[in-house]
Amino acid sequence: MIKQNIGILNALIRITCGLTFLCYGVARLIKRPERESNSIIIMLSAMKVAEGIVRYCPVTDMIDRSNVVKEATNLAAVSPNQTNQTSTETKEEE
């Protein structure tokens, strides 16, 4: 099961915008079926509608995961000597 990572308001906005652009893409496809950009608009719009319905965005998930990795890397970069010096300085001030 996929964990939901977008809120209700965000999901409603995605569904609304997705359906709007889906209608726009279909209207353009009817007028000019030879253009491939219409198919791209339709696919991206359908993807946004699906993200809103499922309330899961893979891009948001990738960004969240990269932030977790960066935070873990930053914590690992702090050496034990630096933490000991900070605690020693705090004791001396008291």
C-alpha atoms as a PDB file:
ATOM      1  CA  MET A   1       0.000   0.000   0.000  1.00  0.00           C
ATOM      2  CA  ILE A   2       1.281   3.442  -0.879  1.00  0.00           C
ATOM      3  CA  LYS A   3       1.568   5.944   1.962  1.00  0.00           C
ATOM      4  CA  GLN A   4      -0.337   9.167   1.229  1.00  0.00           C
ATOM      5  CA  ASN A   5       1.995  12.158   1.152  1.00  0.00           C
ATOM      6  CA  ILE A   6      -0.206  15.074   0.052  1.00  0.00           C
ATOM      7  CA  GLY A   7      -3.038  16.759   1.905  1.00  0.00           C
ATOM      8  CA  ILE A   8      -6.708  16.960   1.020  1.00  0.00           C
ATOM      9  CA  LEU A   9      -6.569  20.540  -0.242  1.00  0.00           C
ATOM     10  CA  ASN A  10      -3.537  19.741  -2.390  1.00  0.00           C
ATOM     11  CA  ALA A  11      -5.352  16.674  -3.751  1.00  0.00           C
ATOM     12  CA  LEU A  12      -8.445  18.708  -4.638  1.00  0.00           C
ATOM     13  CA  ILE A  13      -6.313  21.305  -6.415  1.00  0.00           C
ATOM     14  CA  ARG A  14      -4.530  18.563  -8.384  1.00  0.00           C
ATOM     15  CA  ILE A  15      -7.832  16.971  -9.404  1.00  0.00           C
ATOM     16  CA  THR A  16      -9.346  20.310 -10.439  1.00  0.00           C
ATOM     17  CA  CYS A  17      -6.330  21.479 -12.431  1.00  0.00           C
ATOM     18  CA  GLY A  18      -5.832  18.028 -13.911  1.00  0.00           C
ATOM     19  CA  LEU A  19      -9.413  17.823 -15.166  1.00  0.00           C
ATOM     20  CA  THR A  20      -9.214  21.382 -16.527  1.00  0.00           C
ATOM     21  CA  PHE A  21      -6.058  20.662 -18.516  1.00  0.00           C
ATOM     22  CA  LEU A  22      -7.446  17.282 -19.552  1.00  0.00           C
ATOM     23  CA  CYS A  23     -10.450  19.002 -21.138  1.00  0.00           C
ATOM     24  CA  TYR A  24      -8.130  21.574 -22.721  1.00  0.00           C
ATOM     25  CA  GLY A  25      -5.917  18.826 -24.157  1.00  0.00           C
ATOM     26  CA  VAL A  26      -8.867  16.875 -25.536  1.00  0.00           C
ATOM     27  CA  ALA A  27     -10.301  20.020 -27.154  1.00  0.00           C
ATOM     28  CA  ARG A  28      -6.947  20.743 -28.801  1.00  0.00           C
ATOM     29  CA  LEU A  29      -6.672  17.106 -29.886  1.00  0.00           C
ATOM     30  CA  ILE A  30     -10.038  17.312 -31.610  1.00  0.00           C
ATOM     31  CA  LYS A  31      -9.055  20.496 -33.478  1.00  0.00           C
ATOM     32  CA  ARG A  32      -5.524  19.388 -34.448  1.00  0.00           C
ATOM     33  CA  PRO A  33      -5.033  15.632 -34.125  1.00  0.00           C
ATOM     34  CA  GLU A  34      -1.638  15.710 -35.870  1.00  0.00           C
ATOM     35  CA  ARG A  35       0.098  17.487 -32.980  1.00  0.00           C
ATOM     36  CA  GLU A  36       1.822  15.282 -30.428  1.00  0.00           C
ATOM     37  CA  SER A  37       1.896  17.985 -27.743  1.00  0.00           C
ATOM     38  CA  ASN A  38      -1.804  17.375 -27.160  1.00  0.00           C
ATOM     39  CA  SER A  39      -1.102  13.790 -26.142  1.00  0.00           C
ATOM     40  CA  ILE A  40       1.569  14.948 -23.693  1.00  0.00           C
ATOM     41  CA  ILE A  41      -0.842  17.462 -22.128  1.00  0.00           C
ATOM     42  CA  ILE A  42      -3.471  14.743 -21.793  1.00  0.00           C
ATOM     43  CA  MET A  43      -1.045  12.260 -20.180  1.00  0.00           C
ATOM     44  CA  LEU A  44       0.344  14.792 -17.703  1.00  0.00           C
ATOM     45  CA  SER A  45      -3.165  15.965 -16.801  1.00  0.00           C
ATOM     46  CA  ALA A  46      -4.358  12.405 -16.253  1.00  0.00           C
ATOM     47  CA  MET A  47      -1.330  11.826 -14.020  1.00  0.00           C
ATOM     48  CA  LYS A  48      -2.264  14.853 -11.885  1.00  0.00           C
ATOM     49  CA  VAL A  49      -5.850  13.609 -11.548  1.00  0.00           C
ATOM     50  CA  ALA A  50      -4.567  10.186 -10.470  1.00  0.00           C
ATOM     51  CA  GLU A  51      -2.198  11.791  -7.928  1.00  0.00           C
ATOM     52  CA  GLY A  52      -5.109  13.732  -6.474  1.00  0.00           C
ATOM     53  CA  ILE A  53      -7.332  10.665  -6.210  1.00  0.00           C
ATOM     54  CA  VAL A  54      -4.662   8.445  -4.649  1.00  0.00           C
ATOM     55  CA  ARG A  55      -3.129  11.351  -2.645  1.00  0.00           C
ATOM     56  CA  TYR A  56       0.387  10.195  -3.482  1.00  0.00           C
ATOM     57  CA  CYS A  57       2.969  12.184  -5.442  1.00  0.00           C
ATOM     58  CA  PRO A  58       6.185  10.398  -6.436  1.00  0.00           C
ATOM     59  CA  VAL A  59       8.089  13.679  -6.856  1.00  0.00           C
ATOM     60  CA  THR A  60       7.173  14.801  -3.336  1.00  0.00           C
ATOM     61  CA  ASP A  61       8.214  11.391  -2.037  1.00  0.00           C
ATOM     62  CA  MET A  62      11.626  11.635  -3.749  1.00  0.00           C
ATOM     63  CA  ILE A  63      12.195  15.133  -2.339  1.00  0.00           C
ATOM     64  CA  ASP A  64      11.253  13.993   1.178  1.00  0.00           C
ATOM     65  CA  ARG A  65      13.587  11.016   0.942  1.00  0.00           C
ATOM     66  CA  SER A  66      16.488  13.143  -0.283  1.00  0.00           C
ATOM     67  CA  ASN A  67      15.943  15.556   2.632  1.00  0.00           C
ATOM     68  CA  VAL A  68      16.084  12.649   5.088  1.00  0.00           C
ATOM     69  CA  VAL A  69      19.345  11.452   3.538  1.00  0.00           C
ATOM     70  CA  LYS A  70      20.830  14.977   3.706  1.00  0.00           C
ATOM     71  CA  GLU A  71      19.873  15.323   7.382  1.00  0.00           C
ATOM     72  CA  ALA A  72      21.405  11.933   8.191  1.00  0.00           C
ATOM     73  CA  THR A  73      24.567  12.896   6.332  1.00  0.00           C
ATOM     74  CA  ASN A  74      24.796  16.192   8.220  1.00  0.00           C
ATOM     75  CA  LEU A  75      24.394  14.428  11.564  1.00  0.00           C
ATOM     76  CA  ALA A  76      27.066  11.883  10.646  1.00  0.00           C
ATOM     77  CA  ALA A  77      29.435  14.676   9.610  1.00  0.00           C
ATOM     78  CA  VAL A  78      29.559  16.035  13.175  1.00  0.00           C
ATOM     79  CA  SER A  79      32.502  14.326  14.837  1.00  0.00           C
ATOM     80  CA  PRO A  80      32.394  13.147  18.465  1.00  0.00           C
ATOM     81  CA  ASN A  81      35.213  15.614  19.365  1.00  0.00           C
ATOM     82  CA  GLN A  82      33.034  18.551  18.365  1.00  0.00           C
ATOM     83  CA  THR A  83      30.152  17.363  20.534  1.00  0.00           C
ATOM     84  CA  ASN A  84      32.501  16.784  23.505  1.00  0.00           C
ATOM     85  CA  GLN A  85      33.996  20.278  23.185  1.00  0.00           C
ATOM     86  CA  THR A  86      30.527  21.812  23.132  1.00  0.00           C
ATOM     87  CA  SER A  87      29.455  19.949  26.261  1.00  0.00           C
ATOM     88  CA  THR A  88      32.725  20.915  28.023  1.00  0.00           C
ATOM     89  CA  GLU A  89      32.223  24.588  27.153  1.00  0.00           C
ATOM     90  CA  THR A  90      28.676  24.442  28.497  1.00  0.00           C
ATOM     91  CA  LYS A  91      29.879  22.951  31.809  1.00  0.00           C
ATOM     92  CA  GLU A  92      32.568  25.631  32.172  1.00  0.00           C
ATOM     93  CA  GLU A  93      30.027  28.426  31.692  1.00  0.00           C
ATOM     94  CA  GLU A  94      27.883  27.098  34.542  1.00  0.00           C
END
